[in-house]
Amino acid sequence: MDGIVTKLEDGRLFIKLNTSIYEKEAVMAAAYKMTDSCFIIIKPLDNTLVGIFFESKKFCNEVLDQQVRLDVEKRYGNIRDLLIMQAFRPIENIGDKIKA
C-alpha cells in the first residue's frame, strides 16, 4: 500500500486508487460510508487512477461554529454589554423600593 495514502499539508487525507482494481461503485460505496465523519471529494486523476480527498467534518463544522459566534458578537455584542451593565448597576435608594 506504499504511496496509496498521503497526508496533505492542510490536514486532509488523499487516497489514490487504481481503477483497474477498484470499480467505481466500490469506491463510491466506501466513500459514502465515511460521509458521517468526513467531507469527501472524488476526482479522476487519469484513465487508470482515481483520487479521494478526505477532509475532517468535525474541523469544518467547528470553523463554521466559531464564525457564527464571531458574527453574533459583532452584531449583538453591544446589547449583551448593555444588559450586563444594567444588571450590575448600583441600585440607588433601595430602601425606598422595599415594602415592609
Protein backbone atom coordinates (compact mmCIF):
# COMPACT_ATOMS: atom_id res chain seq x y z
CA MET A 1 0.00 0.00 0.00
CA ASP A 2 3.01 2.26 -0.37
CA GLY A 3 2.01 5.66 -1.75
CA ILE A 4 -1.73 4.99 -1.69
CA VAL A 5 -2.48 7.28 1.29
CA THR A 6 -0.94 10.75 1.54
CA LYS A 7 -1.49 13.25 4.35
CA LEU A 8 -1.77 16.73 2.83
CA GLU A 9 -0.48 19.91 4.45
CA ASP A 10 -3.97 21.26 5.13
CA GLY A 11 -4.87 18.22 7.27
CA ARG A 12 -6.75 16.39 4.54
CA LEU A 13 -6.01 12.82 3.52
CA PHE A 14 -5.60 11.86 -0.12
CA ILE A 15 -6.05 8.29 -1.29
CA LYS A 16 -5.08 7.22 -4.81
CA LEU A 17 -6.69 4.03 -6.14
CA ASN A 18 -6.15 2.12 -9.36
CA THR A 19 -9.41 1.84 -11.30
CA SER A 20 -8.31 -1.44 -12.88
CA ILE A 21 -8.52 -2.97 -9.39
CA TYR A 22 -11.32 -0.96 -7.71
CA GLU A 23 -14.58 -0.38 -9.54
CA LYS A 24 -16.33 2.98 -9.41
CA GLU A 25 -19.26 1.52 -7.45
CA ALA A 26 -16.95 0.13 -4.75
CA VAL A 27 -15.14 3.47 -4.39
CA MET A 28 -18.44 5.37 -4.20
CA ALA A 29 -19.93 2.95 -1.66
CA ALA A 30 -16.84 3.07 0.57
CA ALA A 31 -16.70 6.88 0.36
CA TYR A 32 -20.40 7.15 1.18
CA LYS A 33 -19.89 5.13 4.38
CA MET A 34 -17.41 7.82 5.54
CA THR A 35 -19.72 10.80 4.99
CA ASP A 36 -20.80 10.89 8.63
CA SER A 37 -17.30 11.90 9.71
CA CYS A 38 -15.67 13.43 6.62
CA PHE A 39 -16.30 15.63 3.63
CA ILE A 40 -15.25 13.62 0.60
CA ILE A 41 -14.25 14.72 -2.88
CA ILE A 42 -13.61 12.11 -5.57
CA LYS A 43 -11.72 13.14 -8.72
CA PRO A 44 -10.46 11.12 -11.67
CA LEU A 45 -6.70 11.63 -11.96
CA ASP A 46 -6.20 9.92 -15.32
CA ASN A 47 -7.53 6.85 -17.17
CA THR A 48 -6.26 4.44 -14.51
CA LEU A 49 -6.37 6.37 -11.20
CA VAL A 50 -9.00 7.99 -9.04
CA GLY A 51 -8.18 10.33 -6.15
CA ILE A 52 -10.25 10.62 -2.99
CA PHE A 53 -9.80 13.60 -0.66
CA PHE A 54 -11.00 13.27 2.95
CA GLU A 55 -11.49 16.42 4.98
CA SER A 56 -12.41 16.33 8.66
CA LYS A 57 -16.05 17.23 9.09
CA LYS A 58 -15.54 17.98 12.76
CA PHE A 59 -12.95 20.66 11.99
CA CYS A 60 -15.07 22.23 9.25
CA ASN A 61 -18.10 22.30 11.50
CA GLU A 62 -16.04 23.82 14.31
CA VAL A 63 -14.78 26.58 12.00
CA LEU A 64 -18.38 27.32 10.99
CA ASP A 65 -19.47 27.38 14.65
CA GLN A 66 -16.71 29.82 15.57
CA GLN A 67 -17.55 32.08 12.61
CA VAL A 68 -21.22 32.23 13.65
CA ARG A 69 -20.14 33.12 17.20
CA LEU A 70 -17.97 35.96 15.88
CA ASP A 71 -20.78 37.22 13.64
CA VAL A 72 -23.26 37.21 16.55
CA GLU A 73 -20.74 39.01 18.78
CA LYS A 74 -20.19 41.72 16.16
CA ARG A 75 -23.89 42.13 15.58
CA TYR A 76 -25.33 41.86 19.10
CA GLY A 77 -22.37 42.17 21.50
CA ASN A 78 -23.32 45.72 22.43
CA ILE A 79 -26.80 44.58 23.54
CA ARG A 80 -25.25 41.95 25.82
CA ASP A 81 -22.92 44.58 27.28
CA LEU A 82 -25.84 46.93 27.96
CA LEU A 83 -27.81 44.16 29.69
CA ILE A 84 -24.87 43.24 31.91
CA MET A 85 -24.20 46.89 32.73
CA GLN A 86 -27.86 47.38 33.66
CA ALA A 87 -28.00 44.18 35.72
CA PHE A 88 -24.98 45.11 37.84
CA ARG A 89 -25.63 48.84 38.13
CA PRO A 90 -25.87 50.02 41.72
CA ILE A 91 -29.43 50.49 42.90
CA GLU A 92 -29.99 53.93 44.41
CA ASN A 93 -32.45 54.39 47.24
CA ILE A 94 -33.20 50.69 47.51
CA GLY A 95 -34.72 51.31 50.91
CA ASP A 96 -37.47 53.38 49.29
CA LYS A 97 -38.30 50.46 46.96
CA ILE A 98 -38.68 47.81 49.70
CA LYS A 99 -42.14 47.47 51.20
CA ALA A 100 -42.28 46.31 54.78
